[in-house]
Every structure is written in C-alpha cells, then in structure tokens.
Amino acid sequence: SGKDESVAAVFDMSNVGSNVLNGADYG
C-alpha cells in the first residue's frame, strides 16, 4: 500500500520498472 521502506523479509523481490503491471511504488 505504498510503503517502500526496508523491512525484514524472507524473499528478495523487486519491481522491474514502474508500470501498471507491478503497480509502481504502491505495489
């Protein structure tokens, strides 16, 4: 929901570009 600060997570995943497929910064 737009929160992009670093968090403790298990998997390392990231957006490729910023578009309507990945939801950009909102997720």
mmCIF file of all heavy atoms, coordinates in Angstrom:
data_MODEL
# 
_entry.id   MODEL 
# 
loop_
_atom_site.group_PDB 
_atom_site.id 
_atom_site.type_symbol 
_atom_site.label_atom_id 
_atom_site.label_alt_id 
_atom_site.label_comp_id 
_atom_site.label_asym_id 
_atom_site.label_entity_id 
_atom_site.label_seq_id 
_atom_site.pdbx_PDB_ins_code 
_atom_site.Cartn_x 
_atom_site.Cartn_y 
_atom_site.Cartn_z 
_atom_site.occupancy 
_atom_site.B_iso_or_equiv 
_atom_site.pdbx_formal_charge 
_atom_site.auth_seq_id 
_atom_site.auth_comp_id 
_atom_site.auth_asym_id 
_atom_site.auth_atom_id 
_atom_site.pdbx_PDB_model_num 
ATOM 1   N N   . SER A 1 1  ? 0.822  -1.223  0.000   1.00 0.00 ? 1  SER A N   1 
ATOM 2   C CA  . SER A 1 1  ? 0.000  0.000   0.000   1.00 0.00 ? 1  SER A CA  1 
ATOM 3   C C   . SER A 1 1  ? 0.850  1.264   0.000   1.00 0.00 ? 1  SER A C   1 
ATOM 4   O O   . SER A 1 1  ? 0.590  2.202   0.745   1.00 0.00 ? 1  SER A O   1 
ATOM 5   C CB  . SER A 1 1  ? -0.951 -0.003  1.206   1.00 0.00 ? 1  SER A CB  1 
ATOM 6   O OG  . SER A 1 1  ? -1.779 -1.136  1.181   1.00 0.00 ? 1  SER A OG  1 
ATOM 7   N N   . GLY A 1 2  ? 1.896  1.259   -0.814  1.00 0.00 ? 2  GLY A N   1 
ATOM 8   C CA  . GLY A 1 2  ? 2.750  2.433   -0.944  1.00 0.00 ? 2  GLY A CA  1 
ATOM 9   C C   . GLY A 1 2  ? 3.891  2.513   0.041   1.00 0.00 ? 2  GLY A C   1 
ATOM 10  O O   . GLY A 1 2  ? 4.730  3.418   -0.039  1.00 0.00 ? 2  GLY A O   1 
ATOM 11  N N   . LYS A 1 3  ? 3.977  1.562   0.974   1.00 0.00 ? 3  LYS A N   1 
ATOM 12  C CA  . LYS A 1 3  ? 5.076  1.556   1.936   1.00 0.00 ? 3  LYS A CA  1 
ATOM 13  C C   . LYS A 1 3  ? 6.271  0.853   1.299   1.00 0.00 ? 3  LYS A C   1 
ATOM 14  O O   . LYS A 1 3  ? 6.214  -0.325  0.972   1.00 0.00 ? 3  LYS A O   1 
ATOM 15  C CB  . LYS A 1 3  ? 4.676  0.820   3.211   1.00 0.00 ? 3  LYS A CB  1 
ATOM 16  C CG  . LYS A 1 3  ? 3.546  1.482   3.975   1.00 0.00 ? 3  LYS A CG  1 
ATOM 17  C CD  . LYS A 1 3  ? 3.175  0.678   5.213   1.00 0.00 ? 3  LYS A CD  1 
ATOM 18  C CE  . LYS A 1 3  ? 2.010  1.327   5.949   1.00 0.00 ? 3  LYS A CE  1 
ATOM 19  N NZ  . LYS A 1 3  ? 1.599  0.525   7.133   1.00 0.00 ? 3  LYS A NZ  1 
ATOM 20  N N   . ASP A 1 4  ? 7.362  1.599   1.145   1.00 0.00 ? 4  ASP A N   1 
ATOM 21  C CA  . ASP A 1 4  ? 8.527  1.024   0.473   1.00 0.00 ? 4  ASP A CA  1 
ATOM 22  C C   . ASP A 1 4  ? 9.792  1.044   1.331   1.00 0.00 ? 4  ASP A C   1 
ATOM 23  O O   . ASP A 1 4  ? 10.887 0.794   0.842   1.00 0.00 ? 4  ASP A O   1 
ATOM 24  C CB  . ASP A 1 4  ? 8.804  1.749   -0.847  1.00 0.00 ? 4  ASP A CB  1 
ATOM 25  C CG  . ASP A 1 4  ? 9.081  3.242   -0.647  1.00 0.00 ? 4  ASP A CG  1 
ATOM 26  O OD1 . ASP A 1 4  ? 8.968  3.715   0.508   1.00 0.00 ? 4  ASP A OD1 1 
ATOM 27  O OD2 . ASP A 1 4  ? 9.400  3.919   -1.628  1.00 0.00 ? 4  ASP A OD2 1 
ATOM 28  N N   . GLU A 1 5  ? 9.636  1.330   2.624   1.00 0.00 ? 5  GLU A N   1 
ATOM 29  C CA  . GLU A 1 5  ? 10.807 1.329   3.491   1.00 0.00 ? 5  GLU A CA  1 
ATOM 30  C C   . GLU A 1 5  ? 11.321 -0.099  3.644   1.00 0.00 ? 5  GLU A C   1 
ATOM 31  O O   . GLU A 1 5  ? 10.583 -1.060  3.472   1.00 0.00 ? 5  GLU A O   1 
ATOM 32  C CB  . GLU A 1 5  ? 10.501 1.935   4.860   1.00 0.00 ? 5  GLU A CB  1 
ATOM 33  C CG  . GLU A 1 5  ? 9.491  1.151   5.691   1.00 0.00 ? 5  GLU A CG  1 
ATOM 34  C CD  . GLU A 1 5  ? 8.092  1.672   5.523   1.00 0.00 ? 5  GLU A CD  1 
ATOM 35  O OE1 . GLU A 1 5  ? 7.830  2.318   4.488   1.00 0.00 ? 5  GLU A OE1 1 
ATOM 36  O OE2 . GLU A 1 5  ? 7.247  1.402   6.400   1.00 0.00 ? 5  GLU A OE2 1 
ATOM 37  N N   . SER A 1 6  ? 12.598 -0.234  3.972   1.00 0.00 ? 6  SER A N   1 
ATOM 38  C CA  . SER A 1 6  ? 13.193 -1.561  4.099   1.00 0.00 ? 6  SER A CA  1 
ATOM 39  C C   . SER A 1 6  ? 12.540 -2.319  5.249   1.00 0.00 ? 6  SER A C   1 
ATOM 40  O O   . SER A 1 6  ? 12.238 -1.760  6.298   1.00 0.00 ? 6  SER A O   1 
ATOM 41  C CB  . SER A 1 6  ? 14.702 -1.451  4.357   1.00 0.00 ? 6  SER A CB  1 
ATOM 42  O OG  . SER A 1 6  ? 14.956 -0.710  5.532   1.00 0.00 ? 6  SER A OG  1 
ATOM 43  N N   . VAL A 1 7  ? 12.274 -3.609  5.027   1.00 0.00 ? 7  VAL A N   1 
ATOM 44  C CA  . VAL A 1 7  ? 11.632 -4.435  6.042   1.00 0.00 ? 7  VAL A CA  1 
ATOM 45  C C   . VAL A 1 7  ? 12.369 -5.753  6.145   1.00 0.00 ? 7  VAL A C   1 
ATOM 46  O O   . VAL A 1 7  ? 13.137 -6.135  5.275   1.00 0.00 ? 7  VAL A O   1 
ATOM 47  C CB  . VAL A 1 7  ? 10.160 -4.717  5.681   1.00 0.00 ? 7  VAL A CB  1 
ATOM 48  C CG1 . VAL A 1 7  ? 9.350  -3.441  5.668   1.00 0.00 ? 7  VAL A CG1 1 
ATOM 49  C CG2 . VAL A 1 7  ? 10.059 -5.410  4.336   1.00 0.00 ? 7  VAL A CG2 1 
ATOM 50  N N   . ALA A 1 8  ? 12.121 -6.438  7.248   1.00 0.00 ? 8  ALA A N   1 
ATOM 51  C CA  . ALA A 1 8  ? 12.655 -7.787  7.397   1.00 0.00 ? 8  ALA A CA  1 
ATOM 52  C C   . ALA A 1 8  ? 11.778 -8.715  6.567   1.00 0.00 ? 8  ALA A C   1 
ATOM 53  O O   . ALA A 1 8  ? 10.568 -8.782  6.768   1.00 0.00 ? 8  ALA A O   1 
ATOM 54  C CB  . ALA A 1 8  ? 12.633 -8.197  8.872   1.00 0.00 ? 8  ALA A CB  1 
ATOM 55  N N   . ALA A 1 9  ? 12.377 -9.416  5.620   1.00 0.00 ? 9  ALA A N   1 
ATOM 56  C CA  . ALA A 1 9  ? 11.618 -10.297 4.738   1.00 0.00 ? 9  ALA A CA  1 
ATOM 57  C C   . ALA A 1 9  ? 12.421 -11.555 4.445   1.00 0.00 ? 9  ALA A C   1 
ATOM 58  O O   . ALA A 1 9  ? 13.633 -11.616 4.691   1.00 0.00 ? 9  ALA A O   1 
ATOM 59  C CB  . ALA A 1 9  ? 11.253 -9.572  3.449   1.00 0.00 ? 9  ALA A CB  1 
ATOM 60  N N   . VAL A 1 10 ? 11.726 -12.546 3.909   1.00 0.00 ? 10 VAL A N   1 
ATOM 61  C CA  . VAL A 1 10 ? 12.379 -13.814 3.574   1.00 0.00 ? 10 VAL A CA  1 
ATOM 62  C C   . VAL A 1 10 ? 12.915 -13.790 2.156   1.00 0.00 ? 10 VAL A C   1 
ATOM 63  O O   . VAL A 1 10 ? 14.089 -14.111 1.913   1.00 0.00 ? 10 VAL A O   1 
ATOM 64  C CB  . VAL A 1 10 ? 11.380 -14.989 3.733   1.00 0.00 ? 10 VAL A CB  1 
ATOM 65  C CG1 . VAL A 1 10 ? 12.038 -16.306 3.290   1.00 0.00 ? 10 VAL A CG1 1 
ATOM 66  C CG2 . VAL A 1 10 ? 10.896 -15.081 5.171   1.00 0.00 ? 10 VAL A CG2 1 
ATOM 67  N N   . PHE A 1 11 ? 12.085 -13.372 1.210   1.00 0.00 ? 11 PHE A N   1 
ATOM 68  C CA  . PHE A 1 11 ? 12.484 -13.373 -0.203  1.00 0.00 ? 11 PHE A CA  1 
ATOM 69  C C   . PHE A 1 11 ? 12.862 -11.973 -0.666  1.00 0.00 ? 11 PHE A C   1 
ATOM 70  O O   . PHE A 1 11 ? 12.320 -10.971 -0.203  1.00 0.00 ? 11 PHE A O   1 
ATOM 71  C CB  . PHE A 1 11 ? 11.354 -13.917 -1.078  1.00 0.00 ? 11 PHE A CB  1 
ATOM 72  C CG  . PHE A 1 11 ? 11.014 -15.350 -0.788  1.00 0.00 ? 11 PHE A CG  1 
ATOM 73  C CD1 . PHE A 1 11 ? 9.846  -15.673 -0.128  1.00 0.00 ? 11 PHE A CD1 1 
ATOM 74  C CD2 . PHE A 1 11 ? 11.870 -16.379 -1.160  1.00 0.00 ? 11 PHE A CD2 1 
ATOM 75  C CE1 . PHE A 1 11 ? 9.528  -16.996 0.150   1.00 0.00 ? 11 PHE A CE1 1 
ATOM 76  C CE2 . PHE A 1 11 ? 11.567 -17.706 -0.884  1.00 0.00 ? 11 PHE A CE2 1 
ATOM 77  C CZ  . PHE A 1 11 ? 10.388 -18.012 -0.225  1.00 0.00 ? 11 PHE A CZ  1 
ATOM 78  N N   . ASP A 1 12 ? 13.812 -11.924 -1.570  1.00 0.00 ? 12 ASP A N   1 
ATOM 79  C CA  . ASP A 1 12 ? 14.290 -10.672 -2.147  1.00 0.00 ? 12 ASP A CA  1 
ATOM 80  C C   . ASP A 1 12 ? 13.638 -10.506 -3.517  1.00 0.00 ? 12 ASP A C   1 
ATOM 81  O O   . ASP A 1 12 ? 14.017 -11.166 -4.485  1.00 0.00 ? 12 ASP A O   1 
ATOM 82  C CB  . ASP A 1 12 ? 15.815 -10.719 -2.279  1.00 0.00 ? 12 ASP A CB  1 
ATOM 83  C CG  . ASP A 1 12 ? 16.392 -9.426  -2.845  1.00 0.00 ? 12 ASP A CG  1 
ATOM 84  O OD1 . ASP A 1 12 ? 15.631 -8.451  -3.012  1.00 0.00 ? 12 ASP A OD1 1 
ATOM 85  O OD2 . ASP A 1 12 ? 17.608 -9.405  -3.129  1.00 0.00 ? 12 ASP A OD2 1 
ATOM 86  N N   . MET A 1 13 ? 12.627 -9.646  -3.576  1.00 0.00 ? 13 MET A N   1 
ATOM 87  C CA  . MET A 1 13 ? 11.919 -9.394  -4.825  1.00 0.00 ? 13 MET A CA  1 
ATOM 88  C C   . MET A 1 13 ? 11.869 -7.894  -5.077  1.00 0.00 ? 13 MET A C   1 
ATOM 89  O O   . MET A 1 13 ? 11.863 -7.098  -4.136  1.00 0.00 ? 13 MET A O   1 
ATOM 90  C CB  . MET A 1 13 ? 10.499 -9.980  -4.771  1.00 0.00 ? 13 MET A CB  1 
ATOM 91  C CG  . MET A 1 13 ? 10.449 -11.446 -4.398  1.00 0.00 ? 13 MET A CG  1 
ATOM 92  S SD  . MET A 1 13 ? 8.792  -12.174 -4.456  1.00 0.00 ? 13 MET A SD  1 
ATOM 93  C CE  . MET A 1 13 ? 8.613  -12.384 -6.233  1.00 0.00 ? 13 MET A CE  1 
ATOM 94  N N   . SER A 1 14 ? 11.833 -7.504  -6.324  1.00 0.00 ? 14 SER A N   1 
ATOM 95  C CA  . SER A 1 14 ? 11.836 -6.075  -6.640  1.00 0.00 ? 14 SER A CA  1 
ATOM 96  C C   . SER A 1 14 ? 11.114 -5.817  -7.959  1.00 0.00 ? 14 SER A C   1 
ATOM 97  O O   . SER A 1 14 ? 11.046 -6.691  -8.826  1.00 0.00 ? 14 SER A O   1 
ATOM 98  C CB  . SER A 1 14 ? 13.272 -5.548  -6.729  1.00 0.00 ? 14 SER A CB  1 
ATOM 99  O OG  . SER A 1 14 ? 14.008 -6.269  -7.702  1.00 0.00 ? 14 SER A OG  1 
ATOM 100 N N   . ASN A 1 15 ? 10.582 -4.605  -8.082  1.00 0.00 ? 15 ASN A N   1 
ATOM 101 C CA  . ASN A 1 15 ? 9.921  -4.207  -9.318  1.00 0.00 ? 15 ASN A CA  1 
ATOM 102 C C   . ASN A 1 15 ? 10.929 -4.006  -10.434 1.00 0.00 ? 15 ASN A C   1 
ATOM 103 O O   . ASN A 1 15 ? 12.055 -3.546  -10.203 1.00 0.00 ? 15 ASN A O   1 
ATOM 104 C CB  . ASN A 1 15 ? 9.147  -2.902  -9.117  1.00 0.00 ? 15 ASN A CB  1 
ATOM 105 C CG  . ASN A 1 15 ? 7.844  -3.103  -8.360  1.00 0.00 ? 15 ASN A CG  1 
ATOM 106 O OD1 . ASN A 1 15 ? 7.465  -4.231  -8.038  1.00 0.00 ? 15 ASN A OD1 1 
ATOM 107 N ND2 . ASN A 1 15 ? 7.163  -2.011  -8.067  1.00 0.00 ? 15 ASN A ND2 1 
ATOM 108 N N   . VAL A 1 16 ? 10.522 -4.323  -11.643 1.00 0.00 ? 16 VAL A N   1 
ATOM 109 C CA  . VAL A 1 16 ? 11.322 -4.025  -12.830 1.00 0.00 ? 16 VAL A CA  1 
ATOM 110 C C   . VAL A 1 16 ? 10.607 -2.884  -13.542 1.00 0.00 ? 16 VAL A C   1 
ATOM 111 O O   . VAL A 1 16 ? 9.582  -3.075  -14.191 1.00 0.00 ? 16 VAL A O   1 
ATOM 112 C CB  . VAL A 1 16 ? 11.432 -5.254  -13.763 1.00 0.00 ? 16 VAL A CB  1 
ATOM 113 C CG1 . VAL A 1 16 ? 12.224 -4.884  -15.013 1.00 0.00 ? 16 VAL A CG1 1 
ATOM 114 C CG2 . VAL A 1 16 ? 12.093 -6.418  -13.035 1.00 0.00 ? 16 VAL A CG2 1 
ATOM 115 N N   . GLY A 1 17 ? 11.141 -1.687  -13.373 1.00 0.00 ? 17 GLY A N   1 
ATOM 116 C CA  . GLY A 1 17 ? 10.469 -0.519  -13.909 1.00 0.00 ? 17 GLY A CA  1 
ATOM 117 C C   . GLY A 1 17 ? 9.314  -0.104  -13.018 1.00 0.00 ? 17 GLY A C   1 
ATOM 118 O O   . GLY A 1 17 ? 9.119  -0.615  -11.912 1.00 0.00 ? 17 GLY A O   1 
ATOM 119 N N   . SER A 1 18 ? 8.542  0.833   -13.519 1.00 0.00 ? 18 SER A N   1 
ATOM 120 C CA  . SER A 1 18 ? 7.394  1.356   -12.777 1.00 0.00 ? 18 SER A CA  1 
ATOM 121 C C   . SER A 1 18 ? 6.217  1.427   -13.727 1.00 0.00 ? 18 SER A C   1 
ATOM 122 O O   . SER A 1 18 ? 6.155  2.306   -14.585 1.00 0.00 ? 18 SER A O   1 
ATOM 123 C CB  . SER A 1 18 ? 7.726  2.749   -12.224 1.00 0.00 ? 18 SER A CB  1 
ATOM 124 O OG  . SER A 1 18 ? 6.651  3.296   -11.514 1.00 0.00 ? 18 SER A OG  1 
ATOM 125 N N   . ASN A 1 19 ? 5.309  0.484   -13.609 1.00 0.00 ? 19 ASN A N   1 
ATOM 126 C CA  . ASN A 1 19 ? 4.239  0.391   -14.589 1.00 0.00 ? 19 ASN A CA  1 
ATOM 127 C C   . ASN A 1 19 ? 2.963  -0.193  -13.973 1.00 0.00 ? 19 ASN A C   1 
ATOM 128 O O   . ASN A 1 19 ? 2.945  -0.557  -12.797 1.00 0.00 ? 19 ASN A O   1 
ATOM 129 C CB  . ASN A 1 19 ? 4.691  -0.458  -15.781 1.00 0.00 ? 19 ASN A CB  1 
ATOM 130 C CG  . ASN A 1 19 ? 5.257  -1.792  -15.335 1.00 0.00 ? 19 ASN A CG  1 
ATOM 131 O OD1 . ASN A 1 19 ? 4.539  -2.612  -14.772 1.00 0.00 ? 19 ASN A OD1 1 
ATOM 132 N ND2 . ASN A 1 19 ? 6.558  -2.013  -15.567 1.00 0.00 ? 19 ASN A ND2 1 
ATOM 133 N N   . VAL A 1 20 ? 1.951  -0.292  -14.797 1.00 0.00 ? 20 VAL A N   1 
ATOM 134 C CA  . VAL A 1 20 ? 0.645  -0.754  -14.322 1.00 0.00 ? 20 VAL A CA  1 
ATOM 135 C C   . VAL A 1 20 ? 0.627  -2.260  -14.077 1.00 0.00 ? 20 VAL A C   1 
ATOM 136 O O   . VAL A 1 20 ? -0.307 -2.776  -13.470 1.00 0.00 ? 20 VAL A O   1 
ATOM 137 C CB  . VAL A 1 20 ? -0.458 -0.355  -15.338 1.00 0.00 ? 20 VAL A CB  1 
ATOM 138 C CG1 . VAL A 1 20 ? -0.410 -1.258  -16.572 1.00 0.00 ? 20 VAL A CG1 1 
ATOM 139 C CG2 . VAL A 1 20 ? -1.836 -0.369  -14.698 1.00 0.00 ? 20 VAL A CG2 1 
ATOM 140 N N   . LEU A 1 21 ? 1.669  -2.963  -14.522 1.00 0.00 ? 21 LEU A N   1 
ATOM 141 C CA  . LEU A 1 21 ? 1.747  -4.405  -14.264 1.00 0.00 ? 21 LEU A CA  1 
ATOM 142 C C   . LEU A 1 21 ? 2.193  -4.685  -12.832 1.00 0.00 ? 21 LEU A C   1 
ATOM 143 O O   . LEU A 1 21 ? 1.689  -5.602  -12.180 1.00 0.00 ? 21 LEU A O   1 
ATOM 144 C CB  . LEU A 1 21 ? 2.706  -5.076  -15.253 1.00 0.00 ? 21 LEU A CB  1 
ATOM 145 C CG  . LEU A 1 21 ? 2.248  -5.139  -16.709 1.00 0.00 ? 21 LEU A CG  1 
ATOM 146 C CD1 . LEU A 1 21 ? 3.332  -5.753  -17.582 1.00 0.00 ? 21 LEU A CD1 1 
ATOM 147 C CD2 . LEU A 1 21 ? 0.957  -5.943  -16.838 1.00 0.00 ? 21 LEU A CD2 1 
ATOM 148 N N   . ASN A 1 22 ? 3.177  -3.910  -12.349 1.00 0.00 ? 22 ASN A N   1 
ATOM 149 C CA  . ASN A 1 22 ? 3.663  -4.138  -10.975 1.00 0.00 ? 22 ASN A CA  1 
ATOM 150 C C   . ASN A 1 22 ? 3.127  -3.124  -9.968  1.00 0.00 ? 22 ASN A C   1 
ATOM 151 O O   . ASN A 1 22 ? 3.420  -3.217  -8.777  1.00 0.00 ? 22 ASN A O   1 
ATOM 152 C CB  . ASN A 1 22 ? 5.197  -4.159  -10.932 1.00 0.00 ? 22 ASN A CB  1 
ATOM 153 C CG  . ASN A 1 22 ? 5.823  -2.902  -11.508 1.00 0.00 ? 22 ASN A CG  1 
ATOM 154 O OD1 . ASN A 1 22 ? 5.288  -1.812  -11.387 1.00 0.00 ? 22 ASN A OD1 1 
ATOM 155 N ND2 . ASN A 1 22 ? 6.976  -3.062  -12.162 1.00 0.00 ? 22 ASN A ND2 1 
ATOM 156 N N   . GLY A 1 23 ? 2.363  -2.152  -10.443 1.00 0.00 ? 23 GLY A N   1 
ATOM 157 C CA  . GLY A 1 23 ? 1.765  -1.178  -9.532  1.00 0.00 ? 23 GLY A CA  1 
ATOM 158 C C   . GLY A 1 23 ? 2.700  -0.085  -9.073  1.00 0.00 ? 23 GLY A C   1 
ATOM 159 O O   . GLY A 1 23 ? 2.361  0.672   -8.156  1.00 0.00 ? 23 GLY A O   1 
ATOM 160 N N   . ALA A 1 24 ? 3.897  -0.016  -9.692  1.00 0.00 ? 24 ALA A N   1 
ATOM 161 C CA  . ALA A 1 24 ? 4.884  1.026   -9.350  1.00 0.00 ? 24 ALA A CA  1 
ATOM 162 C C   . ALA A 1 24 ? 5.173  1.038   -7.849  1.00 0.00 ? 24 ALA A C   1 
ATOM 163 O O   . ALA A 1 24 ? 5.240  -0.015  -7.229  1.00 0.00 ? 24 ALA A O   1 
ATOM 164 C CB  . ALA A 1 24 ? 4.392  2.392   -9.841  1.00 0.00 ? 24 ALA A CB  1 
ATOM 165 N N   . ASP A 1 25 ? 5.295  2.226   -7.262  1.00 0.00 ? 25 ASP A N   1 
ATOM 166 C CA  . ASP A 1 25 ? 5.674  2.337   -5.848  1.00 0.00 ? 25 ASP A CA  1 
ATOM 167 C C   . ASP A 1 25 ? 4.581  1.847   -4.899  1.00 0.00 ? 25 ASP A C   1 
ATOM 168 O O   . ASP A 1 25 ? 4.860  1.502   -3.755  1.00 0.00 ? 25 ASP A O   1 
ATOM 169 C CB  . ASP A 1 25 ? 6.018  3.794   -5.501  1.00 0.00 ? 25 ASP A CB  1 
ATOM 170 C CG  . ASP A 1 25 ? 7.307  4.257   -6.161  1.00 0.00 ? 25 ASP A CG  1 
ATOM 171 O OD1 . ASP A 1 25 ? 8.119  3.383   -6.532  1.00 0.00 ? 25 ASP A OD1 1 
ATOM 172 O OD2 . ASP A 1 25 ? 7.499  5.477   -6.304  1.00 0.00 ? 25 ASP A OD2 1 
ATOM 173 N N   . TYR A 1 26 ? 3.340  1.824   -5.358  1.00 0.00 ? 26 TYR A N   1 
ATOM 174 C CA  . TYR A 1 26 ? 2.265  1.377   -4.478  1.00 0.00 ? 26 TYR A CA  1 
ATOM 175 C C   . TYR A 1 26 ? 2.321  -0.131  -4.262  1.00 0.00 ? 26 TYR A C   1 
ATOM 176 O O   . TYR A 1 26 ? 1.908  -0.645  -3.227  1.00 0.00 ? 26 TYR A O   1 
ATOM 177 C CB  . TYR A 1 26 ? 0.902  1.765   -5.059  1.00 0.00 ? 26 TYR A CB  1 
ATOM 178 C CG  . TYR A 1 26 ? -0.207 1.733   -4.029  1.00 0.00 ? 26 TYR A CG  1 
ATOM 179 C CD1 . TYR A 1 26 ? -0.461 2.837   -3.225  1.00 0.00 ? 26 TYR A CD1 1 
ATOM 180 C CD2 . TYR A 1 26 ? -0.994 0.595   -3.859  1.00 0.00 ? 26 TYR A CD2 1 
ATOM 181 C CE1 . TYR A 1 26 ? -1.472 2.817   -2.267  1.00 0.00 ? 26 TYR A CE1 1 
ATOM 182 C CE2 . TYR A 1 26 ? -2.005 0.562   -2.914  1.00 0.00 ? 26 TYR A CE2 1 
ATOM 183 C CZ  . TYR A 1 26 ? -2.238 1.672   -2.117  1.00 0.00 ? 26 TYR A CZ  1 
ATOM 184 O OH  . TYR A 1 26 ? -3.229 1.627   -1.168  1.00 0.00 ? 26 TYR A OH  1 
ATOM 185 N N   . GLY A 1 27 ? 2.845  -0.864  -5.246  1.00 0.00 ? 27 GLY A N   1 
ATOM 186 C CA  . GLY A 1 27 ? 2.950  -2.315  -5.117  1.00 0.00 ? 27 GLY A CA  1 
ATOM 187 C C   . GLY A 1 27 ? 1.886  -3.039  -5.918  1.00 0.00 ? 27 GLY A C   1 
ATOM 188 O O   . GLY A 1 27 ? 1.084  -2.432  -6.630  1.00 0.00 ? 27 GLY A O   1 
# 
